[in-house]
């Protein structure tokens, strides 16, 4: 009998191989046979865990997004004011992406993909709710600009993604606290009420 840990190890290897190949080759150019080969499992084994390539893609996204949410929001609720909450969230997000570039690139790629299912969107909607609530708190306290919450969420998300992509290209700034502080202040000024 195969142990549970060996089964989980195969599943994890499939997910890691899929992420690596999807990021490097794209969804359409990555057949399941290549994922199985990269994960060192039989093609049938892949389909034991995931019925379709789309199911594999959606599972990988949901698991990556859950991990992202858990890590990036850690400690945010304990902060006393909106700026400190936003700062911690910003730094956690930048650190997460720099430490997990394949996960970050996969999330960016998947967010614009036709593979995203309605069920997956619903499954992660609670995460978006967290950010919307934080924005609403900031607007209610008069700390953040009074613009539509969903618009601010979209703008701030892409602004963070922009600095992360910049840091990928300019590694010399990744550990430069002065530079990161300047980037955060620019970000903050774009959403803070004057």
C-alpha atoms as a PDB file:
ATOM      1  CA  UNK A   1       0.000   0.000   0.000  1.00  0.00           C
ATOM      2  CA  UNK A   2       1.248   3.499  -0.901  1.00  0.00           C
ATOM      3  CA  UNK A   3       1.576   5.872   2.038  1.00  0.00           C
ATOM      4  CA  UNK A   4      -0.332   9.155   2.184  1.00  0.00           C
ATOM      5  CA  UNK A   5       2.928  11.134   2.194  1.00  0.00           C
ATOM      6  CA  UNK A   6       4.052   9.498  -1.090  1.00  0.00           C
ATOM      7  CA  UNK A   7       0.687  10.321  -2.659  1.00  0.00           C
ATOM      8  CA  UNK A   8       0.927  13.946  -1.491  1.00  0.00           C
ATOM      9  CA  UNK A   9       4.524  14.101  -2.736  1.00  0.00           C
ATOM     10  CA  UNK A  10       3.424  13.055  -6.251  1.00  0.00           C
ATOM     11  CA  UNK A  11       0.612  15.591  -6.246  1.00  0.00           C
ATOM     12  CA  UNK A  12       3.000  18.311  -5.072  1.00  0.00           C
ATOM     13  CA  UNK A  13       5.555  17.367  -7.745  1.00  0.00           C
ATOM     14  CA  UNK A  14       2.844  17.603 -10.403  1.00  0.00           C
ATOM     15  CA  UNK A  15       1.781  21.053  -9.191  1.00  0.00           C
ATOM     16  CA  UNK A  16       5.361  22.344  -9.023  1.00  0.00           C
ATOM     17  CA  UNK A  17       6.179  20.987 -12.483  1.00  0.00           C
ATOM     18  CA  UNK A  18       2.977  22.445 -13.915  1.00  0.00           C
ATOM     19  CA  UNK A  19       3.673  25.877 -12.446  1.00  0.00           C
ATOM     20  CA  UNK A  20       7.230  25.901 -13.755  1.00  0.00           C
ATOM     21  CA  UNK A  21       6.163  24.849 -17.264  1.00  0.00           C
ATOM     22  CA  UNK A  22       3.128  27.140 -17.395  1.00  0.00           C
ATOM     23  CA  UNK A  23       5.245  30.149 -16.438  1.00  0.00           C
ATOM     24  CA  UNK A  24       8.010  29.282 -18.909  1.00  0.00           C
ATOM     25  CA  UNK A  25       5.952  27.981 -21.839  1.00  0.00           C
ATOM     26  CA  UNK A  26       2.387  29.177 -21.314  1.00  0.00           C
ATOM     27  CA  UNK A  27      -0.778  27.159 -20.796  1.00  0.00           C
ATOM     28  CA  UNK A  28      -1.419  26.224 -24.414  1.00  0.00           C
ATOM     29  CA  UNK A  29       2.175  25.157 -25.110  1.00  0.00           C
ATOM     30  CA  UNK A  30       2.343  22.859 -22.093  1.00  0.00           C
ATOM     31  CA  UNK A  31       0.776  19.442 -22.676  1.00  0.00           C
ATOM     32  CA  UNK A  32      -0.066  17.252 -19.687  1.00  0.00           C
ATOM     33  CA  UNK A  33       2.487  14.708 -20.940  1.00  0.00           C
ATOM     34  CA  UNK A  34       5.242  17.318 -20.466  1.00  0.00           C
ATOM     35  CA  UNK A  35       3.987  18.064 -16.944  1.00  0.00           C
ATOM     36  CA  UNK A  36       3.988  14.347 -16.064  1.00  0.00           C
ATOM     37  CA  UNK A  37       7.506  13.941 -17.488  1.00  0.00           C
ATOM     38  CA  UNK A  38       8.770  17.007 -15.579  1.00  0.00           C
ATOM     39  CA  UNK A  39       7.193  15.677 -12.362  1.00  0.00           C
ATOM     40  CA  UNK A  40       8.641  12.181 -12.974  1.00  0.00           C
ATOM     41  CA  UNK A  41       5.228  10.520 -12.872  1.00  0.00           C
ATOM     42  CA  UNK A  42       3.238   8.547 -15.415  1.00  0.00           C
ATOM     43  CA  UNK A  43       0.711  10.508 -17.473  1.00  0.00           C
ATOM     44  CA  UNK A  44      -2.049   8.360 -15.945  1.00  0.00           C
ATOM     45  CA  UNK A  45      -0.862   9.368 -12.480  1.00  0.00           C
ATOM     46  CA  UNK A  46      -1.402  13.026 -13.346  1.00  0.00           C
ATOM     47  CA  UNK A  47      -5.002  12.241 -14.327  1.00  0.00           C
ATOM     48  CA  UNK A  48      -5.458  10.334 -11.059  1.00  0.00           C
ATOM     49  CA  UNK A  49      -5.073  13.662  -9.250  1.00  0.00           C
ATOM     50  CA  UNK A  50      -6.557  16.037 -11.830  1.00  0.00           C
ATOM     51  CA  UNK A  51      -9.292  15.008 -14.268  1.00  0.00           C
ATOM     52  CA  UNK A  52      -8.365  17.661 -16.825  1.00  0.00           C
ATOM     53  CA  UNK A  53      -5.647  20.171 -17.547  1.00  0.00           C
ATOM     54  CA  UNK A  54      -8.128  22.928 -16.655  1.00  0.00           C
ATOM     55  CA  UNK A  55      -8.721  21.339 -13.246  1.00  0.00           C
ATOM     56  CA  UNK A  56      -4.960  21.222 -12.686  1.00  0.00           C
ATOM     57  CA  UNK A  57      -4.607  24.889 -13.651  1.00  0.00           C
ATOM     58  CA  UNK A  58      -7.489  25.988 -11.401  1.00  0.00           C
ATOM     59  CA  UNK A  59      -6.230  23.904  -8.476  1.00  0.00           C
ATOM     60  CA  UNK A  60      -2.749  25.346  -8.818  1.00  0.00           C
ATOM     61  CA  UNK A  61      -4.171  28.864  -8.909  1.00  0.00           C
ATOM     62  CA  UNK A  62      -6.408  28.371  -5.860  1.00  0.00           C
ATOM     63  CA  UNK A  63      -3.591  26.851  -3.803  1.00  0.00           C
ATOM     64  CA  UNK A  64      -1.109  29.536  -4.859  1.00  0.00           C
ATOM     65  CA  UNK A  65      -3.625  32.296  -4.142  1.00  0.00           C
ATOM     66  CA  UNK A  66      -4.455  30.856  -0.692  1.00  0.00           C
ATOM     67  CA  UNK A  67      -0.774  30.731   0.214  1.00  0.00           C
ATOM     68  CA  UNK A  68      -0.308  34.271  -1.109  1.00  0.00           C
ATOM     69  CA  UNK A  69      -3.251  35.545   0.939  1.00  0.00           C
ATOM     70  CA  UNK A  70      -2.124  33.842   4.160  1.00  0.00           C
ATOM     71  CA  UNK A  71       1.443  35.121   3.917  1.00  0.00           C
ATOM     72  CA  UNK A  72       0.754  38.651   2.698  1.00  0.00           C
ATOM     73  CA  UNK A  73      -2.007  39.442   5.186  1.00  0.00           C
ATOM     74  CA  UNK A  74      -0.125  38.076   8.219  1.00  0.00           C
ATOM     75  CA  UNK A  75      -0.216  40.633  11.029  1.00  0.00           C
ATOM     76  CA  UNK A  76      -2.260  43.219   9.132  1.00  0.00           C
ATOM     77  CA  UNK A  77      -5.252  42.978  11.483  1.00  0.00           C
ATOM     78  CA  UNK A  78      -2.974  43.711  14.466  1.00  0.00           C
ATOM     79  CA  UNK A  79      -1.852  47.079  13.120  1.00  0.00           C
ATOM     80  CA  UNK A  80      -3.492  50.120  14.696  1.00  0.00           C
ATOM     81  CA  UNK A  81      -4.035  52.469  11.762  1.00  0.00           C
ATOM     82  CA  UNK A  82      -4.767  52.225   8.066  1.00  0.00           C
ATOM     83  CA  UNK A  83      -1.355  53.395   6.862  1.00  0.00           C
ATOM     84  CA  UNK A  84       0.424  50.810   9.009  1.00  0.00           C
ATOM     85  CA  UNK A  85      -1.958  48.100   7.743  1.00  0.00           C
ATOM     86  CA  UNK A  86      -1.386  49.108   4.123  1.00  0.00           C
ATOM     87  CA  UNK A  87       2.385  49.367   4.645  1.00  0.00           C
ATOM     88  CA  UNK A  88       2.595  45.858   6.129  1.00  0.00           C
ATOM     89  CA  UNK A  89       0.406  44.452   3.367  1.00  0.00           C
ATOM     90  CA  UNK A  90       2.558  46.195   0.721  1.00  0.00           C
ATOM     91  CA  UNK A  91       5.856  44.967   2.176  1.00  0.00           C
ATOM     92  CA  UNK A  92       4.507  41.440   2.731  1.00  0.00           C
ATOM     93  CA  UNK A  93       3.355  41.329  -0.892  1.00  0.00           C
ATOM     94  CA  UNK A  94       6.657  42.574  -2.297  1.00  0.00           C
ATOM     95  CA  UNK A  95       8.628  40.154  -0.095  1.00  0.00           C
ATOM     96  CA  UNK A  96       6.367  37.239  -1.038  1.00  0.00           C
ATOM     97  CA  UNK A  97       6.832  37.901  -4.755  1.00  0.00           C
ATOM     98  CA  UNK A  98      10.605  38.311  -4.493  1.00  0.00           C
ATOM     99  CA  UNK A  99      10.863  35.068  -2.503  1.00  0.00           C
ATOM    100  CA  UNK A 100       8.438  33.178  -4.779  1.00  0.00           C
ATOM    101  CA  UNK A 101       8.887  34.592  -8.283  1.00  0.00           C
ATOM    102  CA  UNK A 102       7.368  31.545 -10.015  1.00  0.00           C
ATOM    103  CA  UNK A 103       4.216  31.824  -7.882  1.00  0.00           C
ATOM    104  CA  UNK A 104       3.956  35.552  -8.592  1.00  0.00           C
ATOM    105  CA  UNK A 105       4.422  35.085 -12.345  1.00  0.00           C
ATOM    106  CA  UNK A 106       1.876  32.269 -12.372  1.00  0.00           C
ATOM    107  CA  UNK A 107      -0.738  34.410 -10.602  1.00  0.00           C
ATOM    108  CA  UNK A 108      -0.163  37.250 -13.060  1.00  0.00           C
ATOM    109  CA  UNK A 109      -0.418  34.882 -16.012  1.00  0.00           C
ATOM    110  CA  UNK A 110      -3.492  33.112 -14.706  1.00  0.00           C
ATOM    111  CA  UNK A 111      -5.400  36.268 -13.792  1.00  0.00           C
ATOM    112  CA  UNK A 112      -5.669  37.095 -17.490  1.00  0.00           C
ATOM    113  CA  UNK A 113      -6.346  33.549 -18.629  1.00  0.00           C
ATOM    114  CA  UNK A 114      -9.487  32.057 -20.162  1.00  0.00           C
ATOM    115  CA  UNK A 115      -8.855  28.997 -17.952  1.00  0.00           C
ATOM    116  CA  UNK A 116     -10.131  30.727 -14.813  1.00  0.00           C
ATOM    117  CA  UNK A 117     -13.397  29.082 -13.874  1.00  0.00           C
ATOM    118  CA  UNK A 118     -16.400  30.707 -12.249  1.00  0.00           C
ATOM    119  CA  UNK A 119     -15.993  28.310  -9.334  1.00  0.00           C
ATOM    120  CA  UNK A 120     -12.380  29.395  -8.859  1.00  0.00           C
ATOM    121  CA  UNK A 121     -13.381  33.063  -8.951  1.00  0.00           C
ATOM    122  CA  UNK A 122     -16.021  32.431  -6.286  1.00  0.00           C
ATOM    123  CA  UNK A 123     -13.588  30.405  -4.189  1.00  0.00           C
ATOM    124  CA  UNK A 124     -11.117  33.288  -3.919  1.00  0.00           C
ATOM    125  CA  UNK A 125     -13.678  36.088  -3.645  1.00  0.00           C
ATOM    126  CA  UNK A 126     -13.274  36.088   0.153  1.00  0.00           C
ATOM    127  CA  UNK A 127      -9.692  37.248  -0.378  1.00  0.00           C
ATOM    128  CA  UNK A 128     -10.829  40.198  -2.448  1.00  0.00           C
ATOM    129  CA  UNK A 129     -13.351  40.984   0.283  1.00  0.00           C
ATOM    130  CA  UNK A 130     -10.499  41.428   2.765  1.00  0.00           C
ATOM    131  CA  UNK A 131      -8.884  44.113   0.579  1.00  0.00           C
ATOM    132  CA  UNK A 132     -12.209  45.809  -0.133  1.00  0.00           C
ATOM    133  CA  UNK A 133     -12.965  45.941   3.607  1.00  0.00           C
ATOM    134  CA  UNK A 134      -9.571  47.504   4.305  1.00  0.00           C
ATOM    135  CA  UNK A 135     -10.143  50.121   1.607  1.00  0.00           C
ATOM    136  CA  UNK A 136     -13.638  50.849   2.957  1.00  0.00           C
ATOM    137  CA  UNK A 137     -12.237  51.259   6.490  1.00  0.00           C
ATOM    138  CA  UNK A 138      -9.687  53.729   5.167  1.00  0.00           C
ATOM    139  CA  UNK A 139     -12.323  55.729   3.331  1.00  0.00           C
ATOM    140  CA  UNK A 140     -14.664  55.762   6.362  1.00  0.00           C
ATOM    141  CA  UNK A 141     -11.855  57.066   8.585  1.00  0.00           C
ATOM    142  CA  UNK A 142     -10.993  59.727   6.015  1.00  0.00           C
ATOM    143  CA  UNK A 143      -7.516  58.275   5.471  1.00  0.00           C
ATOM    144  CA  UNK A 144      -7.968  57.040   1.896  1.00  0.00           C
ATOM    145  CA  UNK A 145      -9.315  58.884  -1.132  1.00  0.00           C
ATOM    146  CA  UNK A 146     -13.018  58.540  -1.724  1.00  0.00           C
ATOM    147  CA  UNK A 147     -12.974  56.701  -5.044  1.00  0.00           C
ATOM    148  CA  UNK A 148     -14.894  53.498  -5.821  1.00  0.00           C
ATOM    149  CA  UNK A 149     -13.500  50.610  -3.801  1.00  0.00           C
ATOM    150  CA  UNK A 150     -13.204  48.188  -6.703  1.00  0.00           C
ATOM    151  CA  UNK A 151     -11.352  50.817  -8.748  1.00  0.00           C
ATOM    152  CA  UNK A 152      -8.910  51.519  -5.910  1.00  0.00           C
ATOM    153  CA  UNK A 153      -8.371  47.774  -5.456  1.00  0.00           C
ATOM    154  CA  UNK A 154      -7.543  47.318  -9.148  1.00  0.00           C
ATOM    155  CA  UNK A 155      -5.269  50.358  -9.314  1.00  0.00           C
ATOM    156  CA  UNK A 156      -3.358  49.486  -6.152  1.00  0.00           C
ATOM    157  CA  UNK A 157      -2.971  45.834  -7.159  1.00  0.00           C
ATOM    158  CA  UNK A 158      -1.418  46.760 -10.490  1.00  0.00           C
ATOM    159  CA  UNK A 159       0.760  49.385  -8.853  1.00  0.00           C
ATOM    160  CA  UNK A 160       2.223  46.754  -6.494  1.00  0.00           C
ATOM    161  CA  UNK A 161       2.670  44.369  -9.435  1.00  0.00           C
ATOM    162  CA  UNK A 162       4.510  47.173 -11.235  1.00  0.00           C
ATOM    163  CA  UNK A 163       7.054  47.682  -8.449  1.00  0.00           C
ATOM    164  CA  UNK A 164       7.552  43.922  -8.155  1.00  0.00           C
ATOM    165  CA  UNK A 165       8.233  43.587 -11.874  1.00  0.00           C
ATOM    166  CA  UNK A 166      10.613  46.529 -11.649  1.00  0.00           C
ATOM    167  CA  UNK A 167      12.458  44.866  -8.757  1.00  0.00           C
ATOM    168  CA  UNK A 168      12.767  41.646 -10.757  1.00  0.00           C
ATOM    169  CA  UNK A 169      14.558  43.652 -13.450  1.00  0.00           C
ATOM    170  CA  UNK A 170      16.624  45.730 -10.989  1.00  0.00           C
ATOM    171  CA  UNK A 171      17.869  43.276  -8.394  1.00  0.00           C
ATOM    172  CA  UNK A 172      20.161  45.910  -6.886  1.00  0.00           C
ATOM    173  CA  UNK A 173      17.100  47.587  -5.309  1.00  0.00           C
ATOM    174  CA  UNK A 174      15.464  44.461  -3.854  1.00  0.00           C
ATOM    175  CA  UNK A 175      17.136  44.817  -0.451  1.00  0.00           C
ATOM    176  CA  UNK A 176      17.573  48.579  -0.494  1.00  0.00           C
ATOM    177  CA  UNK A 177      15.379  49.799   2.386  1.00  0.00           C
ATOM    178  CA  UNK A 178      15.635  53.448   1.295  1.00  0.00           C
ATOM    179  CA  UNK A 179      14.448  52.604  -2.206  1.00  0.00           C
ATOM    180  CA  UNK A 180      11.631  50.365  -0.954  1.00  0.00           C
ATOM    181  CA  UNK A 181      10.519  53.037   1.501  1.00  0.00           C
ATOM    182  CA  UNK A 182      10.469  55.604  -1.296  1.00  0.00           C
ATOM    183  CA  UNK A 183       8.429  53.219  -3.491  1.00  0.00           C
ATOM    184  CA  UNK A 184       5.943  52.623  -0.682  1.00  0.00           C
ATOM    185  CA  UNK A 185       5.544  56.345  -0.003  1.00  0.00           C
ATOM    186  CA  UNK A 186       4.830  56.947  -3.694  1.00  0.00           C
ATOM    187  CA  UNK A 187       2.226  54.173  -3.538  1.00  0.00           C
ATOM    188  CA  UNK A 188       0.714  55.584  -0.335  1.00  0.00           C
ATOM    189  CA  UNK A 189       0.476  59.121  -1.712  1.00  0.00           C
ATOM    190  CA  UNK A 190      -1.521  57.804  -4.660  1.00  0.00           C
ATOM    191  CA  UNK A 191      -4.294  56.499  -2.380  1.00  0.00           C
ATOM    192  CA  UNK A 192      -4.082  58.671   0.746  1.00  0.00           C
ATOM    193  CA  UNK A 193      -6.480  61.542   1.220  1.00  0.00           C
ATOM    194  CA  UNK A 194      -4.625  64.826   1.510  1.00  0.00           C
END
